[in-house]
Amino acid sequence: MTRVVVTAFGPDRPGIVAAVTGALVERGANLADTAMTNLAGQFAMVLVVEVPEGEQADALEEALAARTAPLGLTVVVRPLPEGDDATTGPQTDGRSAWAVSVYGADRPGIVHQVSALLAQHGANVVDLTTRTVGSTGAPAYVMLLEVTLPADRDVEPLASDLRRLSADLDVEIHLRPDDADVL
């Protein structure tokens, strides 16, 4: 089996997951890793898919597009480079996993400033979820990140800089070791 990455997005409605996975099963494919979500009425999915040897990405894309056209989905299929290991996740070898949570008043720039600081410390963002919660008059912003750092990296300088950024942004920021066994 070889692997491809499938992305599909469009207006949310019942049957999207069934249509995409049904078309994949019909072609002898198997799901490896997936992420799917609904944001503001738009459904998006990213799938790492194992396909039979000889299955071409463009042929699979055409088959998926035909199957999902009635649902209004846009579908893109790309080969996954050899050697990328979907079983370990992005940049986990020799790296330690950390969870970062941010909570505070909503305003532009929170994601940028936190992610820029993480990048300065060599952190790779593996997963990031944000939500605006509360009343429209005083919304709060919640951001949860999974990041990896080089295993030999002293985390204290990052923790110190996150505390400083927390004060600058007037938000709560917490850093803790992440349990890699949790899905």
Protein backbone atom coordinates (compact mmCIF):
# COMPACT_ATOMS: atom_id res chain seq x y z
CA MET A 1 0.00 0.00 0.00
CA THR A 2 1.06 3.57 -0.63
CA ARG A 3 -0.28 6.61 1.17
CA VAL A 4 -1.98 9.81 0.07
CA VAL A 5 -3.37 12.85 1.84
CA VAL A 6 -7.01 13.65 1.07
CA THR A 7 -8.48 17.04 1.95
CA ALA A 8 -12.16 17.76 1.46
CA PHE A 9 -14.25 20.74 2.51
CA GLY A 10 -17.62 22.33 1.86
CA PRO A 11 -20.96 23.21 3.42
CA ASP A 12 -21.74 20.93 6.36
CA ARG A 13 -24.53 18.43 5.84
CA PRO A 14 -25.31 14.83 6.76
CA GLY A 15 -23.55 12.16 4.74
CA ILE A 16 -20.20 13.81 4.02
CA VAL A 17 -18.10 11.34 6.01
CA ALA A 18 -20.10 8.39 4.66
CA ALA A 19 -19.70 9.56 1.04
CA VAL A 20 -15.95 10.13 1.27
CA THR A 21 -15.16 6.96 3.21
CA GLY A 22 -17.51 4.91 1.00
CA ALA A 23 -15.67 6.03 -2.13
CA LEU A 24 -12.36 5.17 -0.47
CA VAL A 25 -13.51 1.69 0.56
CA GLU A 26 -14.77 1.02 -2.99
CA ARG A 27 -11.22 1.64 -4.25
CA GLY A 28 -9.65 -0.66 -1.64
CA ALA A 29 -8.31 2.18 0.51
CA ASN A 30 -7.91 2.25 4.29
CA LEU A 31 -7.92 5.26 6.64
CA ALA A 32 -4.76 5.77 8.70
CA ASP A 33 -4.99 9.19 10.41
CA THR A 34 -7.87 11.65 10.21
CA ALA A 35 -8.93 15.08 11.42
CA MET A 36 -12.42 16.38 10.71
CA THR A 37 -14.26 19.44 12.00
CA ASN A 38 -17.15 21.82 11.42
CA LEU A 39 -16.36 25.54 11.60
CA ALA A 40 -19.09 28.12 10.98
CA GLY A 41 -21.15 25.65 8.97
CA GLN A 42 -18.22 24.48 6.82
CA PHE A 43 -17.04 20.89 7.21
CA ALA A 44 -13.37 20.12 6.60
CA MET A 45 -11.45 16.86 6.68
CA VAL A 46 -7.83 15.86 6.26
CA LEU A 47 -7.20 12.14 5.85
CA VAL A 48 -4.05 10.06 5.53
CA VAL A 49 -5.18 7.14 3.40
CA GLU A 50 -3.46 3.88 2.48
CA VAL A 51 -4.30 3.04 -1.14
CA PRO A 52 -3.51 -0.06 -3.22
CA GLU A 53 -0.21 -0.01 -5.13
CA GLY A 54 -0.72 1.64 -8.50
CA GLU A 55 -3.62 3.85 -7.38
CA GLN A 56 -2.89 7.30 -8.80
CA ALA A 57 -3.69 10.39 -6.73
CA ASP A 58 -5.37 12.16 -9.66
CA ALA A 59 -7.62 9.16 -10.41
CA LEU A 60 -8.62 8.92 -6.75
CA GLU A 61 -9.30 12.66 -6.66
CA GLU A 62 -11.59 12.36 -9.71
CA ALA A 63 -13.49 9.45 -8.13
CA LEU A 64 -13.93 11.30 -4.84
CA ALA A 65 -14.98 14.51 -6.59
CA ALA A 66 -17.62 12.65 -8.62
CA ARG A 67 -18.97 10.89 -5.52
CA THR A 68 -19.10 14.07 -3.41
CA ALA A 69 -20.20 16.61 -6.06
CA PRO A 70 -23.86 16.45 -4.91
CA LEU A 71 -22.65 17.49 -1.44
CA GLY A 72 -20.79 20.55 -2.75
CA LEU A 73 -17.37 19.39 -1.58
CA THR A 74 -13.99 20.44 -2.91
CA VAL A 75 -11.59 17.49 -2.85
CA VAL A 76 -7.80 17.44 -3.24
CA VAL A 77 -5.60 14.32 -3.17
CA ARG A 78 -1.80 14.42 -2.98
CA PRO A 79 0.76 11.62 -2.64
CA LEU A 80 2.40 11.42 0.78
CA PRO A 81 6.20 11.47 0.42
CA GLU A 82 7.96 8.18 1.07
CA GLY A 83 9.39 7.94 4.56
CA ASP A 84 6.77 10.12 6.28
CA ASP A 85 5.52 7.92 9.10
CA ALA A 86 1.84 8.44 9.82
CA THR A 87 2.03 6.17 12.85
CA THR A 88 4.29 8.48 14.83
CA GLY A 89 2.77 11.81 13.87
CA PRO A 90 4.55 14.97 12.86
CA GLN A 91 8.03 15.51 14.20
CA THR A 92 7.73 13.29 17.27
CA ASP A 93 10.96 11.29 17.02
CA GLY A 94 13.39 12.65 19.58
CA ARG A 95 10.88 15.27 20.70
CA SER A 96 8.82 15.75 23.84
CA ALA A 97 5.09 16.50 23.72
CA TRP A 98 3.58 19.52 25.48
CA ALA A 99 0.10 21.02 25.82
CA VAL A 100 -0.42 24.78 25.82
CA SER A 101 -3.73 26.36 26.80
CA VAL A 102 -4.67 30.02 26.43
CA TYR A 103 -7.76 31.69 27.88
CA GLY A 104 -8.73 35.35 27.98
CA ALA A 105 -10.52 38.24 26.34
CA ASP A 106 -10.78 37.85 22.57
CA ARG A 107 -8.74 40.19 20.40
CA PRO A 108 -6.74 40.02 17.16
CA GLY A 109 -3.22 38.59 17.31
CA ILE A 110 -3.43 35.99 20.07
CA VAL A 111 -2.77 33.00 17.80
CA HIS A 112 0.03 34.81 15.99
CA GLN A 113 1.84 35.96 19.12
CA VAL A 114 1.62 32.60 20.89
CA SER A 115 2.62 30.59 17.79
CA ALA A 116 5.49 32.99 16.99
CA LEU A 117 6.86 32.59 20.52
CA LEU A 118 6.57 28.81 20.29
CA ALA A 119 8.42 28.84 16.95
CA GLN A 120 11.23 30.94 18.46
CA HIS A 121 11.75 28.11 20.95
CA GLY A 122 11.77 25.40 18.27
CA ALA A 123 8.29 24.14 19.11
CA ASN A 124 6.36 22.43 16.32
CA VAL A 125 2.58 22.92 16.48
CA VAL A 126 1.04 19.48 16.00
CA ASP A 127 -2.58 20.45 16.70
CA LEU A 128 -4.33 23.74 17.39
CA THR A 129 -7.98 24.37 18.26
CA THR A 130 -9.59 27.70 19.07
CA ARG A 131 -13.06 28.72 20.21
CA THR A 132 -14.72 31.98 21.08
CA VAL A 133 -17.04 31.42 24.04
CA GLY A 134 -19.35 33.53 26.16
CA SER A 135 -21.56 36.47 25.29
CA THR A 136 -21.11 38.57 22.17
CA GLY A 137 -20.60 41.62 24.39
CA ALA A 138 -17.62 40.12 26.20
CA PRO A 139 -16.38 37.04 24.34
CA ALA A 140 -13.57 34.94 25.77
CA TYR A 141 -11.01 33.22 23.59
CA VAL A 142 -9.85 29.66 24.25
CA MET A 143 -6.90 28.13 22.40
CA LEU A 144 -5.52 24.63 22.92
CA LEU A 145 -2.27 23.55 21.29
CA GLU A 146 -0.31 20.33 21.15
CA VAL A 147 3.35 21.06 20.46
CA THR A 148 6.59 19.12 20.37
CA LEU A 149 10.02 20.31 21.47
CA PRO A 150 13.44 18.73 21.02
CA ALA A 151 13.65 16.17 23.85
CA ASP A 152 16.90 17.65 25.16
CA ARG A 153 15.51 21.22 25.24
CA ASP A 154 15.22 22.92 28.64
CA VAL A 155 11.56 23.95 28.77
CA GLU A 156 12.05 26.64 31.44
CA PRO A 157 13.03 29.45 29.01
CA LEU A 158 9.84 28.75 27.03
CA ALA A 159 7.76 28.64 30.20
CA SER A 160 9.27 31.95 31.32
CA ASP A 161 8.56 33.60 27.96
CA LEU A 162 4.99 32.26 28.00
CA ARG A 163 4.46 33.78 31.47
CA ARG A 164 5.72 37.12 30.17
CA LEU A 165 3.47 36.89 27.09
CA SER A 166 0.54 35.97 29.32
CA ALA A 167 1.01 39.23 31.21
CA ASP A 168 1.50 41.26 28.00
CA LEU A 169 -1.68 39.87 26.41
CA ASP A 170 -3.63 39.82 29.68
CA VAL A 171 -4.59 36.16 29.14
CA GLU A 172 -3.94 32.94 31.03
CA ILE A 173 -1.35 30.67 29.38
CA HIS A 174 -0.50 27.25 30.77
CA LEU A 175 2.19 24.80 29.64
CA ARG A 176 2.21 21.18 30.76
CA PRO A 177 3.60 17.84 29.56
CA ASP A 178 1.19 16.18 27.14
CA ASP A 179 0.06 12.57 27.46
CA ALA A 180 0.89 11.09 24.04
CA ASP A 181 -1.48 8.15 24.60
CA VAL A 182 -4.58 10.35 24.53
CA LEU A 183 -6.27 10.51 21.11
